[in-house]
Amino acid sequence: MNARLGFGIATAFKPNVLLMDELLGAGDIGFRLKAEARLQEFIKSANALVVVQHDAGFVRKVCTKALYLRDGEQLFYGNPDTAISLYMRDIHLRRRGV
């Protein structure tokens, strides 16, 4: 319920820049679908939307640019597919202990 309320409040206004952290990580599938639709409408009219997100599908579908950070250090900024590839490579290497 907190996620629904927070999302509703965050998208009720039209700020110059909107920051959202893992905005669709909670809630049932119905909420997620409604939230994604509302977010798409918001993106069309927003000046800038900054989303912290680990969902690669969401990043590919929504983002025009991606910033990949590791341990607070910028490793990449640019094409979302490239950022996702770097992130996935790093996760794979970490799991292998490299």
PDB file of N, CA and C in Angstrom:
ATOM      1  N   MET A   1       0.828  -1.190   0.000  1.00  0.00           N
ATOM      2  CA  MET A   1       0.000   0.000   0.000  1.00  0.00           C
ATOM      3  C   MET A   1       0.874   1.255   0.000  1.00  0.00           C
ATOM      4  N   ASN A   2       1.991   1.220   0.715  1.00  0.00           N
ATOM      5  CA  ASN A   2       2.889   2.377   0.733  1.00  0.00           C
ATOM      6  C   ASN A   2       3.433   2.684  -0.655  1.00  0.00           C
ATOM      7  N   ALA A   3       3.749   1.622  -1.410  1.00  0.00           N
ATOM      8  CA  ALA A   3       4.269   1.826  -2.765  1.00  0.00           C
ATOM      9  C   ALA A   3       3.229   2.508  -3.635  1.00  0.00           C
ATOM     10  N   ARG A   4       1.977   2.091  -3.513  1.00  0.00           N
ATOM     11  CA  ARG A   4       0.907   2.705  -4.302  1.00  0.00           C
ATOM     12  C   ARG A   4       0.749   4.178  -3.961  1.00  0.00           C
ATOM     13  N   LEU A   5       0.732   4.473  -2.672  1.00  0.00           N
ATOM     14  CA  LEU A   5       0.577   5.856  -2.224  1.00  0.00           C
ATOM     15  C   LEU A   5       1.751   6.710  -2.690  1.00  0.00           C
ATOM     16  N   GLY A   6       2.962   6.207  -2.493  1.00  0.00           N
ATOM     17  CA  GLY A   6       4.154   6.955  -2.903  1.00  0.00           C
ATOM     18  C   GLY A   6       4.174   7.220  -4.396  1.00  0.00           C
ATOM     19  N   PHE A   7       3.829   6.215  -5.184  1.00  0.00           N
ATOM     20  CA  PHE A   7       3.804   6.376  -6.630  1.00  0.00           C
ATOM     21  C   PHE A   7       2.733   7.382  -7.041  1.00  0.00           C
ATOM     22  N   GLY A   8       1.568   7.289  -6.424  1.00  0.00           N
ATOM     23  CA  GLY A   8       0.492   8.221  -6.733  1.00  0.00           C
ATOM     24  C   GLY A   8       0.866   9.655  -6.437  1.00  0.00           C
ATOM     25  N   ILE A   9       1.483   9.866  -5.298  1.00  0.00           N
ATOM     26  CA  ILE A   9       1.910  11.218  -4.924  1.00  0.00           C
ATOM     27  C   ILE A   9       3.005  11.717  -5.863  1.00  0.00           C
ATOM     28  N   ALA A  10       3.974  10.865  -6.140  1.00  0.00           N
ATOM     29  CA  ALA A  10       5.106  11.270  -6.984  1.00  0.00           C
ATOM     30  C   ALA A  10       4.665  11.662  -8.383  1.00  0.00           C
ATOM     31  N   THR A  11       3.638  11.009  -8.911  1.00  0.00           N
ATOM     32  CA  THR A  11       3.213  11.302 -10.280  1.00  0.00           C
ATOM     33  C   THR A  11       2.010  12.234 -10.351  1.00  0.00           C
ATOM     34  N   ALA A  12       1.587  12.765  -9.208  1.00  0.00           N
ATOM     35  CA  ALA A  12       0.461  13.701  -9.182  1.00  0.00           C
ATOM     36  C   ALA A  12       0.895  15.117  -9.562  1.00  0.00           C
ATOM     37  N   PHE A  13       2.171  15.382  -9.486  1.00  0.00           N
ATOM     38  CA  PHE A  13       2.705  16.707  -9.776  1.00  0.00           C
ATOM     39  C   PHE A  13       3.571  16.638 -11.024  1.00  0.00           C
ATOM     40  N   LYS A  14       3.898  17.793 -11.571  1.00  0.00           N
ATOM     41  CA  LYS A  14       4.767  17.846 -12.743  1.00  0.00           C
ATOM     42  C   LYS A  14       6.015  18.663 -12.418  1.00  0.00           C
ATOM     43  N   PRO A  15       6.940  18.074 -11.684  1.00  0.00           N
ATOM     44  CA  PRO A  15       8.174  18.793 -11.361  1.00  0.00           C
ATOM     45  C   PRO A  15       9.096  18.849 -12.576  1.00  0.00           C
ATOM     46  N   ASN A  16      10.104  19.713 -12.508  1.00  0.00           N
ATOM     47  CA  ASN A  16      11.092  19.773 -13.595  1.00  0.00           C
ATOM     48  C   ASN A  16      11.892  18.489 -13.680  1.00  0.00           C
ATOM     49  N   VAL A  17      12.246  17.931 -12.516  1.00  0.00           N
ATOM     50  CA  VAL A  17      12.996  16.676 -12.455  1.00  0.00           C
ATOM     51  C   VAL A  17      12.329  15.795 -11.403  1.00  0.00           C
ATOM     52  N   LEU A  18      12.064  14.547 -11.757  1.00  0.00           N
ATOM     53  CA  LEU A  18      11.470  13.597 -10.815  1.00  0.00           C
ATOM     54  C   LEU A  18      12.457  12.466 -10.584  1.00  0.00           C
ATOM     55  N   LEU A  19      12.761  12.178  -9.331  1.00  0.00           N
ATOM     56  CA  LEU A  19      13.643  11.077  -8.955  1.00  0.00           C
ATOM     57  C   LEU A  19      12.803   9.956  -8.355  1.00  0.00           C
ATOM     58  N   MET A  20      12.960   8.732  -8.852  1.00  0.00           N
ATOM     59  CA  MET A  20      12.202   7.588  -8.339  1.00  0.00           C
ATOM     60  C   MET A  20      13.154   6.418  -8.139  1.00  0.00           C
ATOM     61  N   ASP A  21      13.051   5.768  -6.985  1.00  0.00           N
ATOM     62  CA  ASP A  21      13.940   4.666  -6.636  1.00  0.00           C
ATOM     63  C   ASP A  21      13.160   3.359  -6.612  1.00  0.00           C
ATOM     64  N   GLU A  22      13.505   2.434  -7.516  1.00  0.00           N
ATOM     65  CA  GLU A  22      12.861   1.115  -7.597  1.00  0.00           C
ATOM     66  C   GLU A  22      11.348   1.230  -7.513  1.00  0.00           C
ATOM     67  N   LEU A  23      10.792   2.129  -8.302  1.00  0.00           N
ATOM     68  CA  LEU A  23       9.388   2.482  -8.173  1.00  0.00           C
ATOM     69  C   LEU A  23       8.411   1.356  -8.422  1.00  0.00           C
ATOM     70  N   LEU A  24       8.742   0.385  -9.220  1.00  0.00           N
ATOM     71  CA  LEU A  24       7.786  -0.676  -9.525  1.00  0.00           C
ATOM     72  C   LEU A  24       8.201  -2.011  -8.915  1.00  0.00           C
ATOM     73  N   GLY A  25       9.010  -1.967  -7.881  1.00  0.00           N
ATOM     74  CA  GLY A  25       9.477  -3.198  -7.252  1.00  0.00           C
ATOM     75  C   GLY A  25       8.472  -3.829  -6.312  1.00  0.00           C
ATOM     76  N   ALA A  26       7.433  -3.121  -5.964  1.00  0.00           N
ATOM     77  CA  ALA A  26       6.446  -3.638  -5.019  1.00  0.00           C
ATOM     78  C   ALA A  26       5.066  -3.607  -5.667  1.00  0.00           C
ATOM     79  N   GLY A  27       4.164  -4.358  -5.097  1.00  0.00           N
ATOM     80  CA  GLY A  27       2.787  -4.347  -5.576  1.00  0.00           C
ATOM     81  C   GLY A  27       2.477  -5.536  -6.455  1.00  0.00           C
ATOM     82  N   ASP A  28       1.191  -5.790  -6.602  1.00  0.00           N
ATOM     83  CA  ASP A  28       0.751  -6.909  -7.422  1.00  0.00           C
ATOM     84  C   ASP A  28       0.838  -6.539  -8.899  1.00  0.00           C
ATOM     85  N   ILE A  29       0.575  -7.507  -9.763  1.00  0.00           N
ATOM     86  CA  ILE A  29       0.723  -7.281 -11.196  1.00  0.00           C
ATOM     87  C   ILE A  29      -0.234  -6.199 -11.701  1.00  0.00           C
ATOM     88  N   GLY A  30      -1.434  -6.135 -11.128  1.00  0.00           N
ATOM     89  CA  GLY A  30      -2.382  -5.097 -11.528  1.00  0.00           C
ATOM     90  C   GLY A  30      -1.843  -3.706 -11.267  1.00  0.00           C
ATOM     91  N   PHE A  31      -1.267  -3.526 -10.068  1.00  0.00           N
ATOM     92  CA  PHE A  31      -0.669  -2.233  -9.725  1.00  0.00           C
ATOM     93  C   PHE A  31       0.493  -1.926 -10.660  1.00  0.00           C
ATOM     94  N   ARG A  32       1.332  -2.912 -10.905  1.00  0.00           N
ATOM     95  CA  ARG A  32       2.505  -2.676 -11.749  1.00  0.00           C
ATOM     96  C   ARG A  32       2.105  -2.246 -13.155  1.00  0.00           C
ATOM     97  N   LEU A  33       1.086  -2.886 -13.715  1.00  0.00           N
ATOM     98  CA  LEU A  33       0.640  -2.528 -15.061  1.00  0.00           C
ATOM     99  C   LEU A  33       0.064  -1.112 -15.102  1.00  0.00           C
ATOM    100  N   LYS A  34      -0.757  -0.773 -14.107  1.00  0.00           N
ATOM    101  CA  LYS A  34      -1.312   0.582 -14.039  1.00  0.00           C
ATOM    102  C   LYS A  34      -0.208   1.613 -13.837  1.00  0.00           C
ATOM    103  N   ALA A  35       0.749   1.288 -12.968  1.00  0.00           N
ATOM    104  CA  ALA A  35       1.841   2.210 -12.682  1.00  0.00           C
ATOM    105  C   ALA A  35       2.704   2.427 -13.922  1.00  0.00           C
ATOM    106  N   GLU A  36       2.980   1.360 -14.669  1.00  0.00           N
ATOM    107  CA  GLU A  36       3.774   1.508 -15.890  1.00  0.00           C
ATOM    108  C   GLU A  36       3.058   2.393 -16.902  1.00  0.00           C
ATOM    109  N   ALA A  37       1.749   2.204 -17.051  1.00  0.00           N
ATOM    110  CA  ALA A  37       0.976   3.032 -17.988  1.00  0.00           C
ATOM    111  C   ALA A  37       1.006   4.499 -17.557  1.00  0.00           C
ATOM    112  N   ARG A  38       0.831   4.728 -16.273  1.00  0.00           N
ATOM    113  CA  ARG A  38       0.857   6.114 -15.769  1.00  0.00           C
ATOM    114  C   ARG A  38       2.251   6.713 -15.938  1.00  0.00           C
ATOM    115  N   LEU A  39       3.271   5.917 -15.687  1.00  0.00           N
ATOM    116  CA  LEU A  39       4.635   6.391 -15.836  1.00  0.00           C
ATOM    117  C   LEU A  39       4.920   6.761 -17.290  1.00  0.00           C
ATOM    118  N   GLN A  40       4.430   5.974 -18.242  1.00  0.00           N
ATOM    119  CA  GLN A  40       4.626   6.288 -19.662  1.00  0.00           C
ATOM    120  C   GLN A  40       4.017   7.650 -20.007  1.00  0.00           C
ATOM    121  N   GLU A  41       2.838   7.919 -19.484  1.00  0.00           N
ATOM    122  CA  GLU A  41       2.203   9.219 -19.710  1.00  0.00           C
ATOM    123  C   GLU A  41       3.029  10.333 -19.074  1.00  0.00           C
ATOM    124  N   PHE A  42       3.541  10.070 -17.892  1.00  0.00           N
ATOM    125  CA  PHE A  42       4.342  11.062 -17.190  1.00  0.00           C
ATOM    126  C   PHE A  42       5.624  11.355 -17.974  1.00  0.00           C
ATOM    127  N   ILE A  43       6.252  10.316 -18.493  1.00  0.00           N
ATOM    128  CA  ILE A  43       7.504  10.472 -19.240  1.00  0.00           C
ATOM    129  C   ILE A  43       7.294  11.361 -20.458  1.00  0.00           C
ATOM    130  N   LYS A  44       6.162  11.224 -21.114  1.00  0.00           N
ATOM    131  CA  LYS A  44       5.875  12.028 -22.306  1.00  0.00           C
ATOM    132  C   LYS A  44       5.861  13.521 -22.004  1.00  0.00           C
ATOM    133  N   SER A  45       5.466  13.901 -20.785  1.00  0.00           N
ATOM    134  CA  SER A  45       5.350  15.319 -20.454  1.00  0.00           C
ATOM    135  C   SER A  45       6.435  15.823 -19.504  1.00  0.00           C
ATOM    136  N   ALA A  46       7.306  14.941 -19.029  1.00  0.00           N
ATOM    137  CA  ALA A  46       8.322  15.346 -18.048  1.00  0.00           C
ATOM    138  C   ALA A  46       9.530  15.982 -18.725  1.00  0.00           C
ATOM    139  N   ASN A  47      10.161  16.896 -18.000  1.00  0.00           N
ATOM    140  CA  ASN A  47      11.436  17.449 -18.463  1.00  0.00           C
ATOM    141  C   ASN A  47      12.543  16.426 -18.265  1.00  0.00           C
ATOM    142  N   ALA A  48      12.559  15.799 -17.083  1.00  0.00           N
ATOM    143  CA  ALA A  48      13.571  14.782 -16.785  1.00  0.00           C
ATOM    144  C   ALA A  48      13.034  13.843 -15.716  1.00  0.00           C
ATOM    145  N   LEU A  49      13.271  12.566 -15.909  1.00  0.00           N
ATOM    146  CA  LEU A  49      12.883  11.546 -14.950  1.00  0.00           C
ATOM    147  C   LEU A  49      14.113  10.695 -14.687  1.00  0.00           C
ATOM    148  N   VAL A  50      14.523  10.589 -13.423  1.00  0.00           N
ATOM    149  CA  VAL A  50      15.665   9.780 -13.035  1.00  0.00           C
ATOM    150  C   VAL A  50      15.121   8.607 -12.235  1.00  0.00           C
ATOM    151  N   VAL A  51      15.380   7.397 -12.714  1.00  0.00           N
ATOM    152  CA  VAL A  51      14.847   6.191 -12.095  1.00  0.00           C
ATOM    153  C   VAL A  51      16.004   5.304 -11.667  1.00  0.00           C
ATOM    154  N   VAL A  52      15.990   4.880 -10.405  1.00  0.00           N
ATOM    155  CA  VAL A  52      16.937   3.870  -9.936  1.00  0.00           C
ATOM    156  C   VAL A  52      16.224   2.543 -10.130  1.00  0.00           C
ATOM    157  N   GLN A  53      16.826   1.652 -10.909  1.00  0.00           N
ATOM    158  CA  GLN A  53      16.114   0.432 -11.278  1.00  0.00           C
ATOM    159  C   GLN A  53      17.095  -0.691 -11.592  1.00  0.00           C
ATOM    160  N   HIS A  54      16.778  -1.894 -11.113  1.00  0.00           N
ATOM    161  CA  HIS A  54      17.577  -3.071 -11.426  1.00  0.00           C
ATOM    162  C   HIS A  54      16.888  -3.964 -12.449  1.00  0.00           C
ATOM    163  N   ASP A  55      15.679  -3.617 -12.850  1.00  0.00           N
ATOM    164  CA  ASP A  55      14.908  -4.406 -13.808  1.00  0.00           C
ATOM    165  C   ASP A  55      15.362  -4.045 -15.221  1.00  0.00           C
ATOM    166  N   ALA A  56      16.150  -4.931 -15.842  1.00  0.00           N
ATOM    167  CA  ALA A  56      16.710  -4.655 -17.167  1.00  0.00           C
ATOM    168  C   ALA A  56      15.621  -4.437 -18.210  1.00  0.00           C
ATOM    169  N   GLY A  57      14.528  -5.166 -18.124  1.00  0.00           N
ATOM    170  CA  GLY A  57      13.437  -4.999 -19.081  1.00  0.00           C
ATOM    171  C   GLY A  57      12.841  -3.610 -19.010  1.00  0.00           C
ATOM    172  N   PHE A  58      12.666  -3.119 -17.794  1.00  0.00           N
ATOM    173  CA  PHE A  58      12.138  -1.765 -17.603  1.00  0.00           C
ATOM    174  C   PHE A  58      13.099  -0.740 -18.196  1.00  0.00           C
ATOM    175  N   VAL A  59      14.379  -0.905 -17.926  1.00  0.00           N
ATOM    176  CA  VAL A  59      15.378   0.038 -18.433  1.00  0.00           C
ATOM    177  C   VAL A  59      15.374   0.043 -19.959  1.00  0.00           C
ATOM    178  N   ARG A  60      15.340  -1.134 -20.565  1.00  0.00           N
ATOM    179  CA  ARG A  60      15.317  -1.219 -22.031  1.00  0.00           C
ATOM    180  C   ARG A  60      14.066  -0.565 -22.611  1.00  0.00           C
ATOM    181  N   LYS A  61      12.944  -0.772 -21.950  1.00  0.00           N
ATOM    182  CA  LYS A  61      11.658  -0.307 -22.467  1.00  0.00           C
ATOM    183  C   LYS A  61      11.444   1.196 -22.289  1.00  0.00           C
ATOM    184  N   VAL A  62      11.959   1.758 -21.192  1.00  0.00           N
ATOM    185  CA  VAL A  62      11.607   3.122 -20.817  1.00  0.00           C
ATOM    186  C   VAL A  62      12.741   4.131 -20.989  1.00  0.00           C
ATOM    187  N   CYS A  63      13.943   3.731 -20.698  1.00  0.00           N
ATOM    188  CA  CYS A  63      15.044   4.699 -20.590  1.00  0.00           C
ATOM    189  C   CYS A  63      15.684   5.044 -21.926  1.00  0.00           C
ATOM    190  N   THR A  64      16.060   6.303 -22.060  1.00  0.00           N
ATOM    191  CA  THR A  64      16.794   6.760 -23.249  1.00  0.00           C
ATOM    192  C   THR A  64      18.289   6.825 -22.969  1.00  0.00           C
ATOM    193  N   LYS A  65      18.662   6.926 -21.709  1.00  0.00           N
ATOM    194  CA  LYS A  65      20.059   6.919 -21.267  1.00  0.00           C
ATOM    195  C   LYS A  65      20.128   6.107 -19.978  1.00  0.00           C
ATOM    196  N   ALA A  66      21.296   5.519 -19.709  1.00  0.00           N
ATOM    197  CA  ALA A  66      21.485   4.757 -18.476  1.00  0.00           C
ATOM    198  C   ALA A  66      22.835   5.097 -17.872  1.00  0.00           C
ATOM    199  N   LEU A  67      22.854   5.174 -16.566  1.00  0.00           N
ATOM    200  CA  LEU A  67      24.077   5.410 -15.808  1.00  0.00           C
ATOM    201  C   LEU A  67      24.332   4.160 -14.986  1.00  0.00           C
ATOM    202  N   TYR A  68      25.471   3.532 -15.192  1.00  0.00           N
ATOM    203  CA  TYR A  68      25.830   2.325 -14.451  1.00  0.00           C
ATOM    204  C   TYR A  68      26.864   2.709 -13.393  1.00  0.00           C
ATOM    205  N   LEU A  69      26.479   2.511 -12.138  1.00  0.00           N
ATOM    206  CA  LEU A  69      27.360   2.784 -10.998  1.00  0.00           C
ATOM    207  C   LEU A  69      27.714   1.481 -10.314  1.00  0.00           C
ATOM    208  N   ARG A  70      28.944   1.386  -9.850  1.00  0.00           N
ATOM    209  CA  ARG A  70      29.353   0.260  -9.005  1.00  0.00           C
ATOM    210  C   ARG A  70      30.187   0.830  -7.869  1.00  0.00           C
ATOM    211  N   ASP A  71      29.737   0.542  -6.654  1.00  0.00           N
ATOM    212  CA  ASP A  71      30.423   1.048  -5.453  1.00  0.00           C
ATOM    213  C   ASP A  71      30.564   2.567  -5.497  1.00  0.00           C
ATOM    214  N   GLY A  72      29.535   3.235  -6.010  1.00  0.00           N
ATOM    215  CA  GLY A  72      29.523   4.691  -6.059  1.00  0.00           C
ATOM    216  C   GLY A  72      30.346   5.301  -7.174  1.00  0.00           C
ATOM    217  N   GLU A  73      30.933   4.481  -8.015  1.00  0.00           N
ATOM    218  CA  GLU A  73      31.773   4.975  -9.108  1.00  0.00           C
ATOM    219  C   GLU A  73      31.044   4.820 -10.442  1.00  0.00           C
ATOM    220  N   GLN A  74      31.076   5.877 -11.250  1.00  0.00           N
ATOM    221  CA  GLN A  74      30.458   5.811 -12.566  1.00  0.00           C
ATOM    222  C   GLN A  74      31.312   4.956 -13.484  1.00  0.00           C
ATOM    223  N   LEU A  75      30.716   3.881 -13.999  1.00  0.00           N
ATOM    224  CA  LEU A  75      31.423   3.022 -14.934  1.00  0.00           C
ATOM    225  C   LEU A  75      30.991   3.275 -16.378  1.00  0.00           C
ATOM    226  N   PHE A  76      29.757   3.731 -16.549  1.00  0.00           N
ATOM    227  CA  PHE A  76      29.262   3.956 -17.902  1.00  0.00           C
ATOM    228  C   PHE A  76      28.062   4.892 -17.867  1.00  0.00           C
ATOM    229  N   TYR A  77      27.941   5.722 -18.898  1.00  0.00           N
ATOM    230  CA  TYR A  77      26.755   6.540 -19.105  1.00  0.00           C
ATOM    231  C   TYR A  77      26.480   6.567 -20.595  1.00  0.00           C
ATOM    232  N   GLY A  78      25.265   6.226 -20.977  1.00  0.00           N
ATOM    233  CA  GLY A  78      24.921   6.265 -22.395  1.00  0.00           C
ATOM    234  C   GLY A  78      23.823   5.282 -22.738  1.00  0.00           C
ATOM    235  N   ASN A  79      24.040   4.515 -23.786  1.00  0.00           N
ATOM    236  CA  ASN A  79      23.050   3.576 -24.302  1.00  0.00           C
ATOM    237  C   ASN A  79      22.615   2.566 -23.234  1.00  0.00           C
ATOM    238  N   PRO A  80      21.310   2.440 -22.979  1.00  0.00           N
ATOM    239  CA  PRO A  80      20.824   1.512 -21.959  1.00  0.00           C
ATOM    240  C   PRO A  80      21.242   0.059 -22.196  1.00  0.00           C
ATOM    241  N   ASP A  81      21.242  -0.394 -23.452  1.00  0.00           N
ATOM    242  CA  ASP A  81      21.644  -1.777 -23.728  1.00  0.00           C
ATOM    243  C   ASP A  81      23.098  -2.025 -23.338  1.00  0.00           C
ATOM    244  N   THR A  82      23.952  -1.058 -23.580  1.00  0.00           N
ATOM    245  CA  THR A  82      25.357  -1.184 -23.195  1.00  0.00           C
ATOM    246  C   THR A  82      25.493  -1.217 -21.680  1.00  0.00           C
ATOM    247  N   ALA A  83      24.782  -0.339 -20.994  1.00  0.00           N
ATOM    248  CA  ALA A  83      24.823  -0.313 -19.524  1.00  0.00           C
ATOM    249  C   ALA A  83      24.361  -1.649 -18.948  1.00  0.00           C
ATOM    250  N   ILE A  84      23.289  -2.193 -19.499  1.00  0.00           N
ATOM    251  CA  ILE A  84      22.767  -3.477 -19.021  1.00  0.00           C
ATOM    252  C   ILE A  84      23.783  -4.587 -19.272  1.00  0.00           C
ATOM    253  N   SER A  85      24.402  -4.593 -20.438  1.00  0.00           N
ATOM    254  CA  SER A  85      25.412  -5.608 -20.745  1.00  0.00           C
ATOM    255  C   SER A  85      26.578  -5.554 -19.762  1.00  0.00           C
ATOM    256  N   LEU A  86      27.035  -4.355 -19.455  1.00  0.00           N
ATOM    257  CA  LEU A  86      28.130  -4.200 -18.489  1.00  0.00           C
ATOM    258  C   LEU A  86      27.706  -4.676 -17.103  1.00  0.00           C
ATOM    259  N   TYR A  87      26.504  -4.333 -16.690  1.00  0.00           N
ATOM    260  CA  TYR A  87      25.978  -4.745 -15.394  1.00  0.00           C
ATOM    261  C   TYR A  87      25.875  -6.266 -15.320  1.00  0.00           C
ATOM    262  N   MET A  88      25.319  -6.881 -16.353  1.00  0.00           N
ATOM    263  CA  MET A  88      25.164  -8.339 -16.367  1.00  0.00           C
ATOM    264  C   MET A  88      26.530  -9.032 -16.366  1.00  0.00           C
ATOM    265  N   ARG A  89      27.474  -8.478 -17.099  1.00  0.00           N
ATOM    266  CA  ARG A  89      28.830  -9.045 -17.111  1.00  0.00           C
ATOM    267  C   ARG A  89      29.440  -8.991 -15.715  1.00  0.00           C
ATOM    268  N   ASP A  90      29.284  -7.860 -15.049  1.00  0.00           N
ATOM    269  CA  ASP A  90      29.839  -7.717 -13.701  1.00  0.00           C
ATOM    270  C   ASP A  90      29.182  -8.682 -12.720  1.00  0.00           C
ATOM    271  N   ILE A  91      27.874  -8.861 -12.833  1.00  0.00           N
ATOM    272  CA  ILE A  91      27.184  -9.800 -11.932  1.00  0.00           C
ATOM    273  C   ILE A  91      27.701 -11.210 -12.164  1.00  0.00           C
ATOM    274  N   HIS A  92      27.855 -11.571 -13.419  1.00  0.00           N
ATOM    275  CA  HIS A  92      28.362 -12.902 -13.760  1.00  0.00           C
ATOM    276  C   HIS A  92      29.768 -13.104 -13.201  1.00  0.00           C
ATOM    277  N   LEU A  93      30.629 -12.101 -13.364  1.00  0.00           N
ATOM    278  CA  LEU A  93      32.000 -12.204 -12.855  1.00  0.00           C
ATOM    279  C   LEU A  93      32.027 -12.284 -11.329  1.00  0.00           C
ATOM    280  N   ARG A  94      31.176 -11.513 -10.666  1.00  0.00           N
ATOM    281  CA  ARG A  94      31.129 -11.547  -9.195  1.00  0.00           C
ATOM    282  C   ARG A  94      30.679 -12.917  -8.696  1.00  0.00           C
ATOM    283  N   ARG A  95      29.733 -13.520  -9.370  1.00  0.00           N
ATOM    284  CA  ARG A  95      29.260 -14.855  -8.974  1.00  0.00           C
ATOM    285  C   ARG A  95      30.348 -15.896  -9.129  1.00  0.00           C
ATOM    286  N   ARG A  96      31.218 -15.692 -10.105  1.00  0.00           N
ATOM    287  CA  ARG A  96      32.330 -16.616 -10.322  1.00  0.00           C
ATOM    288  C   ARG A  96      33.514 -16.297  -9.425  1.00  0.00           C
ATOM    289  N   GLY A  97      33.423 -15.175  -8.692  1.00  0.00           N
ATOM    290  CA  GLY A  97      34.498 -14.796  -7.780  1.00  0.00           C
ATOM    291  C   GLY A  97      35.660 -14.106  -8.450  1.00  0.00           C
ATOM    292  N   VAL A  98      35.409 -13.542  -9.613  1.00  0.00           N
ATOM    293  CA  VAL A  98      36.479 -12.859 -10.364  1.00  0.00           C
ATOM    294  C   VAL A  98      36.529 -11.412  -9.967  1.00  0.00           C
TER     295      VAL A  98
END
